[in-house]
Amino acid sequence: MVYKYKNYCKSIDHNIIKLYDQGKSFSEIGRILNIDRRAIRYALRKVGRVGKSYRENRGYIINELCFDEINEESAYWIGFLMADGYISSAKNCVRLDLQQGDYKHIEKFKKFVGGNQKIYYIDRKSTPNSNKVFKHAVFCFNSSHIVNVLTKYHFDSNKTLTAKTHNIFINNRDYFRGLIDGDGCLVMYRQGKYVKFQITLTGTLEICQSFNEFVHRIINDLPNTTIKKRKNIYEIVYSGRSAIKIIDLLYNNANIFLNRKKKIADRIYKQCLKQYGDMPQNVKIFHNKPQT
């Protein structure tokens, strides 16, 4: 008789945990204790152990609980995946595919999810009809639990057209920093004797609206900004001192970010001090107490 997860003897919990801590796979534990895989997962989750994905029999592991708690890192990666990730409920797959220059960011994500899968590289055309080919770094894993958690936050395989911000993130700067790092742009350019600043976010209408509402709730004196449609996606742009305030809100004292965009943010800070002699009014409060 194989014990099912709803009616197995609770005294087996101790043996499950002991074997798991010894490095035994789900399959090995199941054979030793004559127990169902779901019972193993159930017992481990009750005591906060990290269960392996269904691919553990091939040596792959993942921290299936990494998105169960919302904190700076998990909120950031949910925003970043909403912008640049791929989630498949049918395949229980999570995939992150970035240009090769951002491979260190994929390494950060790999560390966050606790995976031991390899990062691999592929050639990808910039557009279907283009002759230009670029190297991309790819990291993917399978986990029905993580996919189910992400699905609660409005993820689906067609998120390019359907993405929207879950209510739990409407005031979360880490989530929105993830969106900007994935689908946004920070720009500093010269116009005459002055340097201009911009921050842009592209995405669905709902994503752009939620970001606009967020920054207006936190920064009271921002002017109204129009969301513009670009073919099948939408775009919102903030310029000048408004852009500086938003960039400071998102990146100051942050612990997780895309390195190349944080470098642009730092250059904008330095140029702002040089150009204005100080940060714009209201920005200083973010330096002392960033909103989360």
C-alpha atoms as a PDB file:
ATOM      1  CA  MET A   1       0.000   0.000   0.000  1.00  0.00           C
ATOM      2  CA  VAL A   2       1.292   3.457  -0.955  1.00  0.00           C
ATOM      3  CA  TYR A   3       0.320   6.132   1.560  1.00  0.00           C
ATOM      4  CA  LYS A   4      -1.466   9.151   0.084  1.00  0.00           C
ATOM      5  CA  TYR A   5      -0.785  12.682   1.240  1.00  0.00           C
ATOM      6  CA  LYS A   6      -4.185  13.037   2.977  1.00  0.00           C
ATOM      7  CA  ASN A   7      -4.218   9.852   5.016  1.00  0.00           C
ATOM      8  CA  TYR A   8      -0.655   8.767   5.673  1.00  0.00           C
ATOM      9  CA  CYS A   9       0.544   8.221   9.235  1.00  0.00           C
ATOM     10  CA  LYS A  10       1.913  11.436  10.727  1.00  0.00           C
ATOM     11  CA  SER A  11       4.744   9.533  12.377  1.00  0.00           C
ATOM     12  CA  ILE A  12       6.269   9.145   8.920  1.00  0.00           C
ATOM     13  CA  ASP A  13       6.982  12.925   8.860  1.00  0.00           C
ATOM     14  CA  HIS A  14      10.149  12.513  10.891  1.00  0.00           C
ATOM     15  CA  ASN A  15      11.541   9.879   8.534  1.00  0.00           C
ATOM     16  CA  ILE A  16      10.679  11.951   5.468  1.00  0.00           C
ATOM     17  CA  ILE A  17      12.536  14.968   6.838  1.00  0.00           C
ATOM     18  CA  LYS A  18      15.499  12.851   7.945  1.00  0.00           C
ATOM     19  CA  LEU A  19      15.891  11.214   4.523  1.00  0.00           C
ATOM     20  CA  TYR A  20      15.411  14.528   2.708  1.00  0.00           C
ATOM     21  CA  ASP A  21      18.117  16.183   4.822  1.00  0.00           C
ATOM     22  CA  GLN A  22      20.407  13.289   3.940  1.00  0.00           C
ATOM     23  CA  GLY A  23      20.078  14.315   0.295  1.00  0.00           C
ATOM     24  CA  LYS A  24      17.603  11.649  -0.801  1.00  0.00           C
ATOM     25  CA  SER A  25      15.422  12.488  -3.800  1.00  0.00           C
ATOM     26  CA  PHE A  26      11.620  12.309  -3.728  1.00  0.00           C
ATOM     27  CA  SER A  27      11.774   9.057  -5.694  1.00  0.00           C
ATOM     28  CA  GLU A  28      14.234   7.510  -3.237  1.00  0.00           C
ATOM     29  CA  ILE A  29      12.184   8.602  -0.215  1.00  0.00           C
ATOM     30  CA  GLY A  30       9.046   7.234  -1.829  1.00  0.00           C
ATOM     31  CA  ARG A  31      10.643   3.838  -2.431  1.00  0.00           C
ATOM     32  CA  ILE A  32      12.133   3.606   1.079  1.00  0.00           C
ATOM     33  CA  LEU A  33       8.953   4.610   2.918  1.00  0.00           C
ATOM     34  CA  ASN A  34       6.435   3.333   0.368  1.00  0.00           C
ATOM     35  CA  ILE A  35       4.847   6.755   0.272  1.00  0.00           C
ATOM     36  CA  ASP A  36       3.265   9.010  -2.332  1.00  0.00           C
ATOM     37  CA  ARG A  37       5.262  11.995  -3.677  1.00  0.00           C
ATOM     38  CA  ARG A  38       2.518  14.401  -2.626  1.00  0.00           C
ATOM     39  CA  ALA A  39       2.808  13.163   0.950  1.00  0.00           C
ATOM     40  CA  ILE A  40       6.552  13.890   0.857  1.00  0.00           C
ATOM     41  CA  ARG A  41       5.998  17.421  -0.436  1.00  0.00           C
ATOM     42  CA  TYR A  42       3.216  18.007   2.096  1.00  0.00           C
ATOM     43  CA  ALA A  43       5.394  16.890   5.030  1.00  0.00           C
ATOM     44  CA  LEU A  44       8.340  19.056   3.945  1.00  0.00           C
ATOM     45  CA  ARG A  45       6.264  22.183   3.445  1.00  0.00           C
ATOM     46  CA  LYS A  46       4.709  21.867   6.886  1.00  0.00           C
ATOM     47  CA  VAL A  47       8.136  22.313   8.471  1.00  0.00           C
ATOM     48  CA  GLY A  48       9.372  24.950   6.014  1.00  0.00           C
ATOM     49  CA  ARG A  49      11.691  22.656   4.055  1.00  0.00           C
ATOM     50  CA  VAL A  50      12.190  23.496   0.402  1.00  0.00           C
ATOM     51  CA  GLY A  51      10.647  20.862  -1.846  1.00  0.00           C
ATOM     52  CA  LYS A  52      12.274  19.994  -5.148  1.00  0.00           C
ATOM     53  CA  SER A  53      10.519  20.364  -8.479  1.00  0.00           C
ATOM     54  CA  TYR A  54       9.171  17.367 -10.326  1.00  0.00           C
ATOM     55  CA  ARG A  55      12.479  17.247 -12.216  1.00  0.00           C
ATOM     56  CA  GLU A  56      14.466  16.402  -9.057  1.00  0.00           C
ATOM     57  CA  ASN A  57      14.996  12.861 -10.306  1.00  0.00           C
ATOM     58  CA  ARG A  58      17.277  14.348 -12.974  1.00  0.00           C
ATOM     59  CA  GLY A  59      19.298  16.231 -10.374  1.00  0.00           C
ATOM     60  CA  TYR A  60      17.594  19.615 -10.809  1.00  0.00           C
ATOM     61  CA  ILE A  61      16.514  21.559  -7.742  1.00  0.00           C
ATOM     62  CA  ILE A  62      14.628  24.789  -7.151  1.00  0.00           C
ATOM     63  CA  ASN A  63      13.467  26.688  -4.076  1.00  0.00           C
ATOM     64  CA  GLU A  64       9.752  26.312  -4.634  1.00  0.00           C
ATOM     65  CA  LEU A  65       8.946  28.683  -1.764  1.00  0.00           C
ATOM     66  CA  CYS A  66      10.932  31.651  -3.112  1.00  0.00           C
ATOM     67  CA  PHE A  67       7.807  33.584  -4.164  1.00  0.00           C
ATOM     68  CA  ASP A  68       5.580  32.532  -1.262  1.00  0.00           C
ATOM     69  CA  GLU A  69       6.586  35.579   0.801  1.00  0.00           C
ATOM     70  CA  ILE A  70       6.557  39.089  -0.653  1.00  0.00           C
ATOM     71  CA  ASN A  71       9.779  40.922   0.173  1.00  0.00           C
ATOM     72  CA  GLU A  72      12.159  43.206  -1.738  1.00  0.00           C
ATOM     73  CA  GLU A  73      13.635  40.420  -3.845  1.00  0.00           C
ATOM     74  CA  SER A  74      10.457  38.497  -4.619  1.00  0.00           C
ATOM     75  CA  ALA A  75       8.527  41.697  -5.450  1.00  0.00           C
ATOM     76  CA  TYR A  76      11.355  42.853  -7.719  1.00  0.00           C
ATOM     77  CA  TRP A  77      11.549  39.552  -9.597  1.00  0.00           C
ATOM     78  CA  ILE A  78       7.774  39.397 -10.018  1.00  0.00           C
ATOM     79  CA  GLY A  79       7.941  42.828 -11.650  1.00  0.00           C
ATOM     80  CA  PHE A  80      10.916  41.858 -13.785  1.00  0.00           C
ATOM     81  CA  LEU A  81       9.319  38.588 -14.897  1.00  0.00           C
ATOM     82  CA  MET A  82       6.110  40.457 -15.679  1.00  0.00           C
ATOM     83  CA  ALA A  83       8.170  42.570 -18.074  1.00  0.00           C
ATOM     84  CA  ASP A  84      10.789  40.186 -19.458  1.00  0.00           C
ATOM     85  CA  GLY A  85       9.948  36.658 -18.346  1.00  0.00           C
ATOM     86  CA  TYR A  86       7.944  33.802 -19.794  1.00  0.00           C
ATOM     87  CA  ILE A  87       5.510  31.714 -17.736  1.00  0.00           C
ATOM     88  CA  SER A  88       3.730  28.622 -19.073  1.00  0.00           C
ATOM     89  CA  SER A  89       1.024  27.004 -16.954  1.00  0.00           C
ATOM     90  CA  ALA A  90       0.713  24.166 -19.442  1.00  0.00           C
ATOM     91  CA  LYS A  91       4.405  23.259 -19.089  1.00  0.00           C
ATOM     92  CA  ASN A  92       4.880  24.513 -15.500  1.00  0.00           C
ATOM     93  CA  CYS A  93       7.810  26.469 -16.890  1.00  0.00           C
ATOM     94  CA  VAL A  94       9.458  29.751 -15.863  1.00  0.00           C
ATOM     95  CA  ARG A  95      11.967  31.192 -18.334  1.00  0.00           C
ATOM     96  CA  LEU A  96      14.165  34.276 -18.343  1.00  0.00           C
ATOM     97  CA  ASP A  97      15.852  35.235 -21.618  1.00  0.00           C
ATOM     98  CA  LEU A  98      18.107  38.320 -21.717  1.00  0.00           C
ATOM     99  CA  GLN A  99      20.814  39.737 -23.942  1.00  0.00           C
ATOM    100  CA  GLN A 100      24.204  38.213 -23.209  1.00  0.00           C
ATOM    101  CA  GLY A 101      25.447  41.445 -21.639  1.00  0.00           C
ATOM    102  CA  ASP A 102      22.895  40.981 -18.846  1.00  0.00           C
ATOM    103  CA  TYR A 103      23.959  37.426 -17.971  1.00  0.00           C
ATOM    104  CA  LYS A 104      24.929  38.551 -14.449  1.00  0.00           C
ATOM    105  CA  HIS A 105      21.305  39.525 -13.894  1.00  0.00           C
ATOM    106  CA  ILE A 106      20.248  36.016 -14.822  1.00  0.00           C
ATOM    107  CA  GLU A 107      22.808  34.742 -12.314  1.00  0.00           C
ATOM    108  CA  LYS A 108      21.094  36.893  -9.667  1.00  0.00           C
ATOM    109  CA  PHE A 109      17.747  35.350 -10.572  1.00  0.00           C
ATOM    110  CA  LYS A 110      19.209  31.854 -10.505  1.00  0.00           C
ATOM    111  CA  LYS A 111      20.588  32.501  -7.028  1.00  0.00           C
ATOM    112  CA  PHE A 112      17.241  33.892  -5.842  1.00  0.00           C
ATOM    113  CA  VAL A 113      15.280  30.812  -6.950  1.00  0.00           C
ATOM    114  CA  GLY A 114      17.987  28.464  -5.653  1.00  0.00           C
ATOM    115  CA  GLY A 115      18.276  26.580  -8.929  1.00  0.00           C
ATOM    116  CA  ASN A 116      21.179  24.471 -10.120  1.00  0.00           C
ATOM    117  CA  GLN A 117      20.116  24.405 -13.767  1.00  0.00           C
ATOM    118  CA  LYS A 118      22.689  25.698 -16.230  1.00  0.00           C
ATOM    119  CA  ILE A 119      22.465  29.079 -17.931  1.00  0.00           C
ATOM    120  CA  TYR A 120      22.755  28.440 -21.642  1.00  0.00           C
ATOM    121  CA  TYR A 121      23.221  30.711 -24.669  1.00  0.00           C
ATOM    122  CA  ILE A 122      21.276  30.954 -27.908  1.00  0.00           C
ATOM    123  CA  ASP A 123      21.381  33.070 -31.057  1.00  0.00           C
ATOM    124  CA  ARG A 124      18.331  35.283 -31.511  1.00  0.00           C
ATOM    125  CA  LYS A 125      17.394  37.652 -34.333  1.00  0.00           C
ATOM    126  CA  SER A 126      16.456  41.210 -33.357  1.00  0.00           C
ATOM    127  CA  THR A 127      13.347  40.856 -35.568  1.00  0.00           C
ATOM    128  CA  PRO A 128      12.019  37.854 -37.535  1.00  0.00           C
ATOM    129  CA  ASN A 129      13.161  39.361 -40.858  1.00  0.00           C
ATOM    130  CA  SER A 130      16.471  40.741 -39.610  1.00  0.00           C
ATOM    131  CA  ASN A 131      19.889  39.388 -40.551  1.00  0.00           C
ATOM    132  CA  LYS A 132      21.368  40.605 -37.269  1.00  0.00           C
ATOM    133  CA  VAL A 133      21.829  37.867 -34.688  1.00  0.00           C
ATOM    134  CA  PHE A 134      22.481  38.500 -31.007  1.00  0.00           C
ATOM    135  CA  LYS A 135      23.604  36.170 -28.242  1.00  0.00           C
ATOM    136  CA  HIS A 136      21.078  35.693 -25.449  1.00  0.00           C
ATOM    137  CA  ALA A 137      21.526  34.103 -22.034  1.00  0.00           C
ATOM    138  CA  VAL A 138      18.659  31.836 -20.956  1.00  0.00           C
ATOM    139  CA  PHE A 139      17.691  30.288 -17.626  1.00  0.00           C
ATOM    140  CA  CYS A 140      14.590  28.169 -17.174  1.00  0.00           C
ATOM    141  CA  PHE A 141      13.132  25.693 -14.733  1.00  0.00           C
ATOM    142  CA  ASN A 142       9.952  23.741 -14.075  1.00  0.00           C
ATOM    143  CA  SER A 143       7.848  24.121 -10.950  1.00  0.00           C
ATOM    144  CA  SER A 144       4.092  23.783 -10.781  1.00  0.00           C
ATOM    145  CA  HIS A 145       4.048  25.470  -7.366  1.00  0.00           C
ATOM    146  CA  ILE A 146       5.950  28.586  -8.492  1.00  0.00           C
ATOM    147  CA  VAL A 147       3.850  28.842 -11.654  1.00  0.00           C
ATOM    148  CA  ASN A 148       0.672  28.605  -9.553  1.00  0.00           C
ATOM    149  CA  VAL A 149       1.912  31.362  -7.225  1.00  0.00           C
ATOM    150  CA  LEU A 150       2.836  33.630 -10.135  1.00  0.00           C
ATOM    151  CA  THR A 151      -0.489  32.972 -11.826  1.00  0.00           C
ATOM    152  CA  LYS A 152      -2.203  34.512  -8.784  1.00  0.00           C
ATOM    153  CA  TYR A 153      -0.374  37.740  -9.655  1.00  0.00           C
ATOM    154  CA  HIS A 154      -1.918  37.916 -13.156  1.00  0.00           C
ATOM    155  CA  PHE A 155       0.789  36.041 -15.042  1.00  0.00           C
ATOM    156  CA  ASP A 156      -0.104  34.089 -18.159  1.00  0.00           C
ATOM    157  CA  SER A 157       1.632  33.113 -21.394  1.00  0.00           C
ATOM    158  CA  ASN A 158       0.016  36.074 -23.189  1.00  0.00           C
ATOM    159  CA  LYS A 159       1.026  38.707 -20.640  1.00  0.00           C
ATOM    160  CA  THR A 160       2.397  41.020 -23.375  1.00  0.00           C
ATOM    161  CA  LEU A 161      -1.237  41.921 -24.053  1.00  0.00           C
ATOM    162  CA  THR A 162      -2.888  41.068 -20.731  1.00  0.00           C
ATOM    163  CA  ALA A 163      -0.414  42.031 -17.966  1.00  0.00           C
ATOM    164  CA  LYS A 164      -1.697  44.108 -15.064  1.00  0.00           C
ATOM    165  CA  THR A 165      -0.535  44.967 -11.565  1.00  0.00           C
ATOM    166  CA  HIS A 166      -1.964  42.955  -8.691  1.00  0.00           C
ATOM    167  CA  ASN A 167      -3.335  45.042  -5.821  1.00  0.00           C
ATOM    168  CA  ILE A 168      -0.642  43.765  -3.470  1.00  0.00           C
ATOM    169  CA  PHE A 169       1.993  45.659  -5.524  1.00  0.00           C
ATOM    170  CA  ILE A 170       0.272  48.976  -6.225  1.00  0.00           C
ATOM    171  CA  ASN A 171       2.522  50.784  -3.702  1.00  0.00           C
ATOM    172  CA  ASN A 172       5.600  48.576  -4.014  1.00  0.00           C
ATOM    173  CA  ARG A 173       8.621  50.361  -5.471  1.00  0.00           C
ATOM    174  CA  ASP A 174      10.576  47.086  -5.783  1.00  0.00           C
ATOM    175  CA  TYR A 175       7.923  45.604  -8.078  1.00  0.00           C
ATOM    176  CA  PHE A 176       7.884  48.734 -10.230  1.00  0.00           C
ATOM    177  CA  ARG A 177      11.697  48.863 -10.334  1.00  0.00           C
ATOM    178  CA  GLY A 178      11.539  45.330 -11.722  1.00  0.00           C
ATOM    179  CA  LEU A 179       9.128  46.513 -14.408  1.00  0.00           C
ATOM    180  CA  ILE A 180      11.382  49.439 -15.323  1.00  0.00           C
ATOM    181  CA  ASP A 181      14.481  47.222 -15.426  1.00  0.00           C
ATOM    182  CA  GLY A 182      12.652  44.855 -17.761  1.00  0.00           C
ATOM    183  CA  ASP A 183      10.505  47.109 -19.960  1.00  0.00           C
ATOM    184  CA  GLY A 184      11.676  50.596 -19.108  1.00  0.00           C
ATOM    185  CA  CYS A 185      14.350  53.017 -20.174  1.00  0.00           C
ATOM    186  CA  LEU A 186      16.469  55.590 -18.316  1.00  0.00           C
ATOM    187  CA  VAL A 187      17.916  58.291 -20.571  1.00  0.00           C
ATOM    188  CA  MET A 188      20.292  61.215 -20.096  1.00  0.00           C
ATOM    189  CA  TYR A 189      21.040  63.365 -23.154  1.00  0.00           C
ATOM    190  CA  ARG A 190      22.361  66.830 -23.947  1.00  0.00           C
ATOM    191  CA  GLN A 191      20.177  69.548 -25.441  1.00  0.00           C
ATOM    192  CA  GLY A 192      21.993  72.822 -25.868  1.00  0.00           C
ATOM    193  CA  LYS A 193      23.932  73.634 -22.723  1.00  0.00           C
ATOM    194  CA  TYR A 194      21.704  71.521 -20.505  1.00  0.00           C
ATOM    195  CA  VAL A 195      21.422  67.790 -19.939  1.00  0.00           C
ATOM    196  CA  LYS A 196      17.919  66.324 -20.131  1.00  0.00           C
ATOM    197  CA  PHE A 197      16.567  63.325 -18.231  1.00  0.00           C
ATOM    198  CA  GLN A 198      13.845  60.812 -19.048  1.00  0.00           C
ATOM    199  CA  ILE A 199      12.359  57.617 -17.676  1.00  0.00           C
ATOM    200  CA  THR A 200      10.043  55.531 -19.850  1.00  0.00           C
ATOM    201  CA  LEU A 201       7.897  52.470 -19.263  1.00  0.00           C
ATOM    202  CA  THR A 202       6.256  50.398 -21.996  1.00  0.00           C
ATOM    203  CA  GLY A 203       3.646  47.699 -21.496  1.00  0.00           C
ATOM    204  CA  THR A 204      -0.086  47.173 -21.403  1.00  0.00           C
ATOM    205  CA  LEU A 205      -2.413  50.075 -20.670  1.00  0.00           C
ATOM    206  CA  GLU A 206      -3.096  48.624 -17.196  1.00  0.00           C
ATOM    207  CA  ILE A 207       0.621  48.378 -16.378  1.00  0.00           C
ATOM    208  CA  CYS A 208       1.306  51.964 -17.462  1.00  0.00           C
ATOM    209  CA  GLN A 209      -1.729  53.233 -15.551  1.00  0.00           C
ATOM    210  CA  SER A 210      -0.706  51.446 -12.347  1.00  0.00           C
ATOM    211  CA  PHE A 211       2.810  52.874 -12.564  1.00  0.00           C
ATOM    212  CA  ASN A 212       1.488  56.385 -13.198  1.00  0.00           C
ATOM    213  CA  GLU A 213      -0.887  56.117 -10.229  1.00  0.00           C
ATOM    214  CA  PHE A 214       1.920  54.807  -8.027  1.00  0.00           C
ATOM    215  CA  VAL A 215       4.365  57.653  -8.713  1.00  0.00           C
ATOM    216  CA  HIS A 216       1.618  60.259  -8.310  1.00  0.00           C
ATOM    217  CA  ARG A 217       0.626  58.819  -4.931  1.00  0.00           C
ATOM    218  CA  ILE A 218       4.207  59.023  -3.674  1.00  0.00           C
ATOM    219  CA  ILE A 219       5.326  62.257  -5.363  1.00  0.00           C
ATOM    220  CA  ASN A 220       2.602  64.848  -4.921  1.00  0.00           C
ATOM    221  CA  ASP A 221       3.777  67.558  -7.325  1.00  0.00           C
ATOM    222  CA  LEU A 222       4.235  65.506 -10.502  1.00  0.00           C
ATOM    223  CA  PRO A 223       2.512  67.009 -13.563  1.00  0.00           C
ATOM    224  CA  ASN A 224      -0.079  64.975 -15.433  1.00  0.00           C
ATOM    225  CA  THR A 225       1.427  62.596 -17.978  1.00  0.00           C
ATOM    226  CA  THR A 226      -0.266  61.121 -21.042  1.00  0.00           C
ATOM    227  CA  ILE A 227      -0.065  57.413 -21.809  1.00  0.00           C
ATOM    228  CA  LYS A 228       0.454  56.948 -25.538  1.00  0.00           C
ATOM    229  CA  LYS A 229      -0.345  53.900 -27.661  1.00  0.00           C
ATOM    230  CA  ARG A 230       2.448  52.437 -29.820  1.00  0.00           C
ATOM    231  CA  LYS A 231       0.916  49.744 -32.047  1.00  0.00           C
ATOM    232  CA  ASN A 232      -0.106  46.964 -29.629  1.00  0.00           C
ATOM    233  CA  ILE A 233       1.593  48.381 -26.544  1.00  0.00           C
ATOM    234  CA  TYR A 234       1.486  51.565 -24.501  1.00  0.00           C
ATOM    235  CA  GLU A 235       4.181  53.946 -23.331  1.00  0.00           C
ATOM    236  CA  ILE A 236       4.484  56.556 -20.609  1.00  0.00           C
ATOM    237  CA  VAL A 237       7.355  59.057 -20.436  1.00  0.00           C
ATOM    238  CA  TYR A 238       8.450  61.373 -17.622  1.00  0.00           C
ATOM    239  CA  SER A 239      11.025  64.083 -18.269  1.00  0.00           C
ATOM    240  CA  GLY A 240      13.158  66.615 -16.414  1.00  0.00           C
ATOM    241  CA  ARG A 241      12.848  66.897 -12.667  1.00  0.00           C
ATOM    242  CA  SER A 242       9.878  64.525 -12.645  1.00  0.00           C
ATOM    243  CA  ALA A 243      12.116  61.835 -14.113  1.00  0.00           C
ATOM    244  CA  ILE A 244      14.818  62.510 -11.505  1.00  0.00           C
ATOM    245  CA  LYS A 245      12.330  62.154  -8.654  1.00  0.00           C
ATOM    246  CA  ILE A 246      10.950  58.892 -10.011  1.00  0.00           C
ATOM    247  CA  ILE A 247      14.404  57.442 -10.669  1.00  0.00           C
ATOM    248  CA  ASP A 248      15.468  58.356  -7.156  1.00  0.00           C
ATOM    249  CA  LEU A 249      12.317  56.817  -5.694  1.00  0.00           C
ATOM    250  CA  LEU A 250      12.958  53.532  -7.485  1.00  0.00           C
ATOM    251  CA  TYR A 251      16.722  53.106  -7.248  1.00  0.00           C
ATOM    252  CA  ASN A 252      17.982  54.879  -4.152  1.00  0.00           C
ATOM    253  CA  ASN A 253      19.017  52.409  -1.411  1.00  0.00           C
ATOM    254  CA  ALA A 254      17.796  49.498  -3.527  1.00  0.00           C
ATOM    255  CA  ASN A 255      19.493  46.130  -3.050  1.00  0.00           C
ATOM    256  CA  ILE A 256      18.373  44.411  -6.249  1.00  0.00           C
ATOM    257  CA  PHE A 257      18.462  45.996  -9.721  1.00  0.00           C
ATOM    258  CA  LEU A 258      19.748  45.607 -13.276  1.00  0.00           C
ATOM    259  CA  ASN A 259      23.359  46.812 -13.047  1.00  0.00           C
ATOM    260  CA  ARG A 260      23.436  48.815 -16.274  1.00  0.00           C
ATOM    261  CA  LYS A 261      20.296  50.765 -15.350  1.00  0.00           C
ATOM    262  CA  LYS A 262      21.520  51.445 -11.837  1.00  0.00           C
ATOM    263  CA  LYS A 263      24.702  52.886 -13.385  1.00  0.00           C
ATOM    264  CA  ILE A 264      22.572  55.246 -15.486  1.00  0.00           C
ATOM    265  CA  ALA A 265      20.614  56.245 -12.381  1.00  0.00           C
ATOM    266  CA  ASP A 266      23.872  57.021 -10.563  1.00  0.00           C
ATOM    267  CA  ARG A 267      25.101  59.146 -13.480  1.00  0.00           C
ATOM    268  CA  ILE A 268      21.789  61.038 -13.451  1.00  0.00           C
ATOM    269  CA  TYR A 269      22.221  61.771  -9.711  1.00  0.00           C
ATOM    270  CA  LYS A 270      25.703  63.172 -10.297  1.00  0.00           C
ATOM    271  CA  GLN A 271      24.618  65.270 -13.275  1.00  0.00           C
ATOM    272  CA  CYS A 272      21.619  66.573 -11.353  1.00  0.00           C
ATOM    273  CA  LEU A 273      23.852  67.799  -8.516  1.00  0.00           C
ATOM    274  CA  LYS A 274      26.216  69.373 -11.034  1.00  0.00           C
ATOM    275  CA  GLN A 275      23.447  71.017 -13.046  1.00  0.00           C
ATOM    276  CA  TYR A 276      21.105  72.141 -10.264  1.00  0.00           C
ATOM    277  CA  GLY A 277      23.476  72.263  -7.304  1.00  0.00           C
ATOM    278  CA  ASP A 278      21.053  70.063  -5.371  1.00  0.00           C
ATOM    279  CA  MET A 279      18.416  67.400  -5.869  1.00  0.00           C
ATOM    280  CA  PRO A 280      14.943  68.679  -6.845  1.00  0.00           C
ATOM    281  CA  GLN A 281      12.562  69.398  -3.993  1.00  0.00           C
ATOM    282  CA  ASN A 282      10.945  66.276  -2.471  1.00  0.00           C
ATOM    283  CA  VAL A 283      13.697  63.956  -3.693  1.00  0.00           C
ATOM    284  CA  LYS A 284      15.729  64.298  -0.475  1.00  0.00           C
ATOM    285  CA  ILE A 285      13.025  62.504   1.490  1.00  0.00           C
ATOM    286  CA  PHE A 286      13.560  59.430  -0.671  1.00  0.00           C
ATOM    287  CA  HIS A 287      17.279  59.477   0.072  1.00  0.00           C
ATOM    288  CA  ASN A 288      16.489  59.294   3.764  1.00  0.00           C
ATOM    289  CA  LYS A 289      13.508  56.973   3.659  1.00  0.00           C
ATOM    290  CA  PRO A 290      12.794  55.165   0.364  1.00  0.00           C
ATOM    291  CA  GLN A 291       9.225  53.980  -0.102  1.00  0.00           C
ATOM    292  CA  THR A 292       8.701  50.200  -0.227  1.00  0.00           C
END
